[in-house]
N, C-alpha and C. Protein backbone atom coordinates (compact mmCIF):
# COMPACT_ATOMS: atom_id res chain seq x y z
N MET A 1 22.45 22.26 22.37
CA MET A 1 22.10 21.69 21.10
C MET A 1 21.88 20.19 21.23
N LYS A 2 22.71 19.50 21.99
CA LYS A 2 22.61 18.07 22.16
C LYS A 2 21.30 17.70 22.84
N THR A 3 20.86 18.46 23.83
CA THR A 3 19.61 18.20 24.54
C THR A 3 18.42 18.35 23.59
N THR A 4 18.42 19.36 22.74
CA THR A 4 17.33 19.59 21.80
C THR A 4 17.25 18.45 20.80
N PHE A 5 18.40 18.00 20.29
CA PHE A 5 18.43 16.90 19.34
C PHE A 5 17.89 15.62 19.98
N THR A 6 18.31 15.33 21.21
CA THR A 6 17.85 14.14 21.93
C THR A 6 16.35 14.23 22.20
N SER A 7 15.88 15.39 22.59
CA SER A 7 14.45 15.58 22.85
C SER A 7 13.64 15.38 21.57
N THR A 8 14.15 15.88 20.47
CA THR A 8 13.46 15.74 19.18
C THR A 8 13.38 14.27 18.80
N LEU A 9 14.49 13.53 18.95
CA LEU A 9 14.49 12.10 18.64
C LEU A 9 13.50 11.34 19.52
N LEU A 10 13.47 11.67 20.80
CA LEU A 10 12.54 11.00 21.70
C LEU A 10 11.10 11.30 21.30
N GLY A 11 10.84 12.56 20.92
CA GLY A 11 9.49 12.95 20.49
C GLY A 11 9.07 12.22 19.23
N ILE A 12 9.98 12.09 18.27
CA ILE A 12 9.68 11.37 17.04
C ILE A 12 9.46 9.89 17.34
N GLY A 13 10.28 9.34 18.20
CA GLY A 13 10.13 7.92 18.58
C GLY A 13 8.80 7.66 19.25
N ALA A 14 8.38 8.56 20.12
CA ALA A 14 7.09 8.41 20.81
C ALA A 14 5.94 8.50 19.82
N ALA A 15 6.03 9.44 18.89
CA ALA A 15 4.98 9.60 17.89
C ALA A 15 4.90 8.36 17.01
N PHE A 16 6.03 7.82 16.63
CA PHE A 16 6.09 6.62 15.81
C PHE A 16 5.46 5.44 16.55
N ALA A 17 5.75 5.31 17.83
CA ALA A 17 5.18 4.23 18.64
C ALA A 17 3.65 4.34 18.70
N VAL A 18 3.14 5.55 18.84
CA VAL A 18 1.69 5.76 18.88
C VAL A 18 1.07 5.35 17.55
N LEU A 19 1.71 5.75 16.44
CA LEU A 19 1.20 5.38 15.12
C LEU A 19 1.19 3.87 14.91
N LEU A 20 2.25 3.20 15.31
CA LEU A 20 2.30 1.75 15.18
C LEU A 20 1.21 1.07 16.00
N THR A 21 0.98 1.55 17.20
CA THR A 21 -0.05 0.98 18.06
C THR A 21 -1.42 1.19 17.44
N ALA A 22 -1.67 2.37 16.91
CA ALA A 22 -2.97 2.67 16.30
C ALA A 22 -3.18 1.81 15.06
N ALA A 23 -2.14 1.68 14.24
CA ALA A 23 -2.26 0.89 13.02
C ALA A 23 -2.50 -0.57 13.35
N ALA A 24 -1.80 -1.10 14.32
CA ALA A 24 -1.95 -2.51 14.69
C ALA A 24 -3.34 -2.78 15.26
N SER A 25 -3.84 -1.88 16.08
CA SER A 25 -5.14 -2.13 16.69
C SER A 25 -6.26 -1.97 15.68
N GLY A 26 -6.06 -1.19 14.63
CA GLY A 26 -7.08 -1.01 13.61
C GLY A 26 -7.19 -2.19 12.66
N CYS A 27 -6.24 -3.10 12.69
CA CYS A 27 -6.24 -4.20 11.74
C CYS A 27 -6.57 -5.54 12.37
N THR A 28 -6.93 -5.56 13.60
CA THR A 28 -7.25 -6.84 14.23
C THR A 28 -8.70 -6.82 14.69
N TYR A 29 -9.30 -8.00 14.66
CA TYR A 29 -10.68 -8.15 15.08
C TYR A 29 -10.71 -9.26 16.11
N SER A 30 -11.06 -8.89 17.33
CA SER A 30 -11.02 -9.87 18.40
C SER A 30 -12.27 -10.73 18.44
N SER A 31 -13.35 -10.25 17.86
CA SER A 31 -14.56 -11.06 17.85
C SER A 31 -15.42 -10.68 16.66
N GLY A 32 -16.19 -11.63 16.22
CA GLY A 32 -17.11 -11.36 15.12
C GLY A 32 -16.43 -11.33 13.78
N GLU A 33 -17.22 -11.00 12.76
CA GLU A 33 -16.70 -10.93 11.41
C GLU A 33 -16.06 -9.57 11.16
N GLU A 34 -15.19 -9.54 10.15
CA GLU A 34 -14.61 -8.28 9.76
C GLU A 34 -15.73 -7.40 9.21
N PRO A 35 -15.60 -6.10 9.35
CA PRO A 35 -16.65 -5.22 8.83
C PRO A 35 -16.75 -5.33 7.30
N ASN A 36 -17.93 -5.10 6.77
CA ASN A 36 -18.15 -5.15 5.34
C ASN A 36 -17.42 -3.98 4.70
N PRO A 37 -16.49 -4.26 3.76
CA PRO A 37 -15.73 -3.18 3.12
C PRO A 37 -16.54 -2.43 2.07
N CYS A 38 -17.73 -2.91 1.75
CA CYS A 38 -18.56 -2.29 0.72
C CYS A 38 -19.53 -1.31 1.35
N PRO A 39 -19.95 -0.33 0.58
CA PRO A 39 -20.98 0.57 1.11
C PRO A 39 -22.22 -0.23 1.48
N THR A 40 -22.91 0.18 2.50
CA THR A 40 -24.09 -0.54 2.98
C THR A 40 -25.08 -0.77 1.84
N THR A 41 -25.25 0.20 0.99
CA THR A 41 -26.23 0.08 -0.09
C THR A 41 -25.82 -0.96 -1.13
N ALA A 42 -24.56 -1.37 -1.15
CA ALA A 42 -24.10 -2.32 -2.15
C ALA A 42 -24.76 -3.69 -1.99
N THR A 43 -25.18 -4.05 -0.80
CA THR A 43 -25.78 -5.36 -0.60
C THR A 43 -27.24 -5.29 -0.17
N GLU A 44 -27.81 -4.09 -0.12
CA GLU A 44 -29.22 -3.96 0.22
C GLU A 44 -30.05 -4.17 -1.04
N ALA A 45 -31.09 -4.98 -0.94
CA ALA A 45 -32.01 -5.22 -2.04
C ALA A 45 -31.27 -5.59 -3.32
N VAL A 46 -30.44 -6.62 -3.23
CA VAL A 46 -29.68 -7.07 -4.38
C VAL A 46 -30.64 -7.67 -5.40
N SER A 47 -30.45 -7.31 -6.64
CA SER A 47 -31.31 -7.76 -7.73
C SER A 47 -30.53 -8.68 -8.65
N TYR A 48 -31.17 -9.75 -9.11
CA TYR A 48 -30.51 -10.64 -10.07
C TYR A 48 -30.16 -9.86 -11.34
N ALA A 49 -31.14 -9.17 -11.92
CA ALA A 49 -30.95 -8.49 -13.19
C ALA A 49 -29.94 -7.34 -13.09
N LYS A 50 -30.02 -6.56 -12.02
CA LYS A 50 -29.19 -5.36 -11.89
C LYS A 50 -27.80 -5.66 -11.33
N ASP A 51 -27.70 -6.62 -10.41
CA ASP A 51 -26.45 -6.85 -9.69
C ASP A 51 -25.77 -8.18 -10.03
N ILE A 52 -26.50 -9.27 -9.95
CA ILE A 52 -25.90 -10.59 -10.05
C ILE A 52 -25.56 -10.97 -11.49
N SER A 53 -26.49 -10.81 -12.42
CA SER A 53 -26.23 -11.17 -13.81
C SER A 53 -25.00 -10.43 -14.37
N PRO A 54 -24.83 -9.12 -14.12
CA PRO A 54 -23.61 -8.45 -14.61
C PRO A 54 -22.32 -9.02 -14.00
N ILE A 55 -22.37 -9.48 -12.75
CA ILE A 55 -21.18 -10.10 -12.15
C ILE A 55 -20.85 -11.38 -12.89
N PHE A 56 -21.88 -12.18 -13.20
CA PHE A 56 -21.66 -13.42 -13.96
C PHE A 56 -21.21 -13.11 -15.38
N ASP A 57 -21.73 -12.04 -15.99
CA ASP A 57 -21.27 -11.63 -17.32
C ASP A 57 -19.78 -11.35 -17.30
N ALA A 58 -19.34 -10.60 -16.33
CA ALA A 58 -17.95 -10.15 -16.26
C ALA A 58 -16.97 -11.24 -15.84
N ASN A 59 -17.45 -12.22 -15.06
CA ASN A 59 -16.50 -13.15 -14.44
C ASN A 59 -16.72 -14.63 -14.74
N CYS A 60 -17.89 -15.03 -15.17
CA CYS A 60 -18.21 -16.45 -15.23
C CYS A 60 -18.62 -16.97 -16.60
N ARG A 61 -19.33 -16.17 -17.34
CA ARG A 61 -19.99 -16.68 -18.55
C ARG A 61 -19.06 -16.94 -19.73
N SER A 62 -17.83 -16.49 -19.65
CA SER A 62 -16.90 -16.83 -20.73
C SER A 62 -16.62 -18.33 -20.74
N CYS A 63 -16.76 -18.98 -19.61
CA CYS A 63 -16.61 -20.44 -19.52
C CYS A 63 -17.93 -21.15 -19.22
N HIS A 64 -18.80 -20.50 -18.46
CA HIS A 64 -20.05 -21.12 -18.02
C HIS A 64 -21.26 -20.55 -18.74
N GLY A 65 -21.07 -20.01 -19.94
CA GLY A 65 -22.16 -19.42 -20.70
C GLY A 65 -22.70 -20.35 -21.76
N ALA A 66 -23.75 -19.90 -22.43
CA ALA A 66 -24.37 -20.68 -23.49
C ALA A 66 -23.34 -21.00 -24.58
N GLY A 67 -23.35 -22.23 -25.04
CA GLY A 67 -22.47 -22.63 -26.12
C GLY A 67 -21.08 -23.07 -25.69
N VAL A 68 -20.64 -22.71 -24.50
CA VAL A 68 -19.29 -23.09 -24.06
C VAL A 68 -19.29 -23.88 -22.75
N TYR A 69 -20.38 -23.85 -22.01
CA TYR A 69 -20.37 -24.45 -20.68
C TYR A 69 -20.10 -25.95 -20.71
N GLN A 70 -20.48 -26.65 -21.79
CA GLN A 70 -20.27 -28.09 -21.82
C GLN A 70 -18.80 -28.44 -22.00
N THR A 71 -18.06 -27.61 -22.73
CA THR A 71 -16.65 -27.91 -22.97
C THR A 71 -15.73 -27.16 -22.00
N MET A 72 -16.07 -25.94 -21.66
CA MET A 72 -15.18 -25.13 -20.83
C MET A 72 -15.62 -25.03 -19.38
N GLY A 73 -16.91 -25.16 -19.13
CA GLY A 73 -17.45 -24.90 -17.79
C GLY A 73 -17.85 -26.12 -17.01
N GLY A 74 -17.31 -27.26 -17.35
CA GLY A 74 -17.60 -28.47 -16.59
C GLY A 74 -19.07 -28.85 -16.59
N GLY A 75 -19.81 -28.43 -17.62
CA GLY A 75 -21.23 -28.74 -17.69
C GLY A 75 -22.11 -27.82 -16.87
N ASN A 76 -21.54 -26.82 -16.23
CA ASN A 76 -22.31 -25.87 -15.41
C ASN A 76 -22.69 -24.67 -16.25
N ASP A 77 -23.98 -24.56 -16.57
CA ASP A 77 -24.50 -23.49 -17.41
C ASP A 77 -25.03 -22.36 -16.54
N TYR A 78 -24.33 -21.24 -16.58
CA TYR A 78 -24.74 -20.05 -15.82
C TYR A 78 -25.16 -18.94 -16.78
N SER A 79 -25.63 -19.32 -17.95
CA SER A 79 -26.00 -18.33 -18.95
C SER A 79 -27.28 -17.60 -18.61
N ASN A 80 -28.05 -18.13 -17.67
CA ASN A 80 -29.31 -17.49 -17.29
C ASN A 80 -29.63 -17.80 -15.83
N TYR A 81 -30.69 -17.18 -15.35
CA TYR A 81 -31.08 -17.35 -13.95
C TYR A 81 -31.31 -18.82 -13.60
N GLN A 82 -32.04 -19.55 -14.45
CA GLN A 82 -32.37 -20.94 -14.15
C GLN A 82 -31.11 -21.79 -13.98
N GLY A 83 -30.11 -21.56 -14.81
CA GLY A 83 -28.86 -22.31 -14.71
C GLY A 83 -28.12 -22.05 -13.41
N ILE A 84 -28.09 -20.80 -13.01
CA ILE A 84 -27.42 -20.44 -11.76
C ILE A 84 -28.20 -21.00 -10.58
N LYS A 85 -29.51 -20.90 -10.64
CA LYS A 85 -30.37 -21.38 -9.55
C LYS A 85 -30.25 -22.88 -9.35
N ARG A 86 -29.99 -23.63 -10.44
CA ARG A 86 -29.82 -25.09 -10.33
C ARG A 86 -28.56 -25.47 -9.56
N GLN A 87 -27.58 -24.60 -9.56
CA GLN A 87 -26.31 -24.90 -8.89
C GLN A 87 -26.45 -24.72 -7.39
N SER A 88 -25.72 -25.48 -6.65
CA SER A 88 -25.69 -25.35 -5.19
C SER A 88 -25.18 -23.96 -4.80
N ALA A 89 -25.94 -23.28 -3.98
CA ALA A 89 -25.54 -21.95 -3.51
C ALA A 89 -24.23 -22.04 -2.73
N THR A 90 -24.06 -23.12 -1.99
CA THR A 90 -22.82 -23.32 -1.22
C THR A 90 -21.63 -23.44 -2.16
N LEU A 91 -21.81 -24.18 -3.25
CA LEU A 91 -20.74 -24.33 -4.22
C LEU A 91 -20.40 -23.01 -4.89
N LEU A 92 -21.42 -22.27 -5.31
CA LEU A 92 -21.18 -20.97 -5.94
C LEU A 92 -20.39 -20.04 -5.03
N LEU A 93 -20.88 -19.88 -3.81
CA LEU A 93 -20.24 -18.96 -2.88
C LEU A 93 -18.84 -19.43 -2.48
N GLY A 94 -18.70 -20.70 -2.19
CA GLY A 94 -17.38 -21.24 -1.83
C GLY A 94 -16.36 -21.06 -2.93
N SER A 95 -16.80 -21.24 -4.17
CA SER A 95 -15.88 -21.10 -5.31
C SER A 95 -15.44 -19.66 -5.52
N VAL A 96 -16.37 -18.71 -5.47
CA VAL A 96 -15.97 -17.31 -5.70
C VAL A 96 -15.21 -16.74 -4.52
N GLN A 97 -15.42 -17.31 -3.33
CA GLN A 97 -14.68 -16.85 -2.16
C GLN A 97 -13.29 -17.49 -2.07
N HIS A 98 -13.02 -18.46 -2.95
CA HIS A 98 -11.78 -19.24 -2.91
C HIS A 98 -11.63 -19.93 -1.56
N ALA A 99 -12.74 -20.46 -1.05
CA ALA A 99 -12.76 -21.13 0.24
C ALA A 99 -12.08 -22.49 0.13
N PRO A 100 -11.46 -22.95 1.22
CA PRO A 100 -10.83 -24.27 1.20
C PRO A 100 -11.84 -25.36 0.86
N GLY A 101 -11.42 -26.31 0.02
CA GLY A 101 -12.29 -27.41 -0.38
C GLY A 101 -13.13 -27.12 -1.62
N PHE A 102 -13.03 -25.92 -2.18
CA PHE A 102 -13.78 -25.55 -3.38
C PHE A 102 -12.80 -25.20 -4.49
N ASP A 103 -13.19 -25.46 -5.74
CA ASP A 103 -12.38 -25.03 -6.86
C ASP A 103 -12.49 -23.51 -6.97
N PRO A 104 -11.38 -22.79 -6.85
CA PRO A 104 -11.45 -21.33 -6.92
C PRO A 104 -11.87 -20.86 -8.31
N MET A 105 -12.83 -19.97 -8.33
CA MET A 105 -13.34 -19.42 -9.59
C MET A 105 -13.24 -17.90 -9.55
N PRO A 106 -12.99 -17.28 -10.67
CA PRO A 106 -12.79 -17.85 -12.00
C PRO A 106 -11.51 -18.68 -12.06
N LYS A 107 -11.60 -19.78 -12.77
CA LYS A 107 -10.48 -20.73 -12.86
C LYS A 107 -9.25 -20.03 -13.45
N GLY A 108 -8.14 -20.13 -12.74
CA GLY A 108 -6.90 -19.54 -13.20
C GLY A 108 -6.85 -18.02 -13.10
N GLY A 109 -7.87 -17.42 -12.49
CA GLY A 109 -7.92 -15.96 -12.38
C GLY A 109 -7.92 -15.50 -10.94
N ASP A 110 -7.87 -14.20 -10.78
CA ASP A 110 -7.93 -13.61 -9.45
C ASP A 110 -9.35 -13.73 -8.90
N LYS A 111 -9.43 -13.69 -7.59
CA LYS A 111 -10.74 -13.68 -6.94
C LYS A 111 -11.50 -12.44 -7.38
N ILE A 112 -12.81 -12.59 -7.56
CA ILE A 112 -13.60 -11.43 -7.99
C ILE A 112 -13.64 -10.41 -6.85
N ALA A 113 -14.08 -9.22 -7.17
CA ALA A 113 -14.09 -8.11 -6.21
C ALA A 113 -14.86 -8.46 -4.94
N VAL A 114 -14.36 -8.01 -3.82
CA VAL A 114 -14.96 -8.27 -2.52
C VAL A 114 -16.42 -7.83 -2.49
N CYS A 115 -16.71 -6.68 -3.06
CA CYS A 115 -18.09 -6.19 -3.07
C CYS A 115 -18.99 -7.06 -3.94
N ASP A 116 -18.46 -7.61 -5.03
CA ASP A 116 -19.24 -8.53 -5.86
C ASP A 116 -19.54 -9.82 -5.10
N ILE A 117 -18.57 -10.31 -4.36
CA ILE A 117 -18.81 -11.50 -3.53
C ILE A 117 -19.86 -11.19 -2.48
N ALA A 118 -19.81 -10.01 -1.88
CA ALA A 118 -20.80 -9.61 -0.88
C ALA A 118 -22.19 -9.55 -1.49
N LYS A 119 -22.29 -9.09 -2.73
CA LYS A 119 -23.59 -9.04 -3.42
C LYS A 119 -24.12 -10.44 -3.67
N ILE A 120 -23.25 -11.33 -4.14
CA ILE A 120 -23.67 -12.72 -4.38
C ILE A 120 -24.15 -13.35 -3.08
N LYS A 121 -23.41 -13.13 -2.00
CA LYS A 121 -23.79 -13.68 -0.70
C LYS A 121 -25.14 -13.12 -0.24
N ALA A 122 -25.33 -11.80 -0.38
CA ALA A 122 -26.60 -11.18 0.02
C ALA A 122 -27.75 -11.72 -0.81
N TRP A 123 -27.52 -11.93 -2.10
CA TRP A 123 -28.54 -12.47 -2.99
C TRP A 123 -28.91 -13.90 -2.59
N ILE A 124 -27.91 -14.70 -2.30
CA ILE A 124 -28.16 -16.08 -1.85
C ILE A 124 -28.93 -16.07 -0.54
N GLU A 125 -28.51 -15.23 0.41
CA GLU A 125 -29.19 -15.16 1.71
C GLU A 125 -30.63 -14.66 1.58
N ALA A 126 -30.92 -13.91 0.51
CA ALA A 126 -32.29 -13.42 0.26
C ALA A 126 -33.14 -14.48 -0.45
N GLY A 127 -32.55 -15.66 -0.73
CA GLY A 127 -33.30 -16.73 -1.37
C GLY A 127 -33.14 -16.78 -2.87
N GLN A 128 -32.13 -16.12 -3.42
CA GLN A 128 -31.84 -16.08 -4.85
C GLN A 128 -33.05 -15.65 -5.69
N PRO A 129 -33.62 -14.50 -5.39
CA PRO A 129 -34.82 -14.07 -6.14
C PRO A 129 -34.51 -13.76 -7.60
N ASP A 130 -35.47 -14.02 -8.47
CA ASP A 130 -35.35 -13.69 -9.88
C ASP A 130 -36.00 -12.32 -10.06
N ASN A 131 -35.26 -11.31 -9.66
CA ASN A 131 -35.81 -9.94 -9.70
C ASN A 131 -34.94 -9.02 -10.53
């Protein structure tokens, strides 16, 4: 009985060690960027009207929208395409990514969804089309 119990413990310990090794290796990236957590289609052919404007509706325009941007949004009007396009793409992306050296946006809130940030980045990289 003692041998069986010891063998069982050793077997469980070995299995646990394998799981820990697999989990640790799956969470590290030795080179390059981390893989995109969003479905591939989430950032393909990003549209201002379909993808970007709704993100700004949900996360930005309560402070940076028409009628409030001068008092709440630091003078940055994101109520329409032209207002967003006037802003530095670097500033927009740095702020929503909560990157060092940028004011994290939304102010006082959590970072927006990773996939929404990926869409904004893809849209900026596509030249910020008004589509």
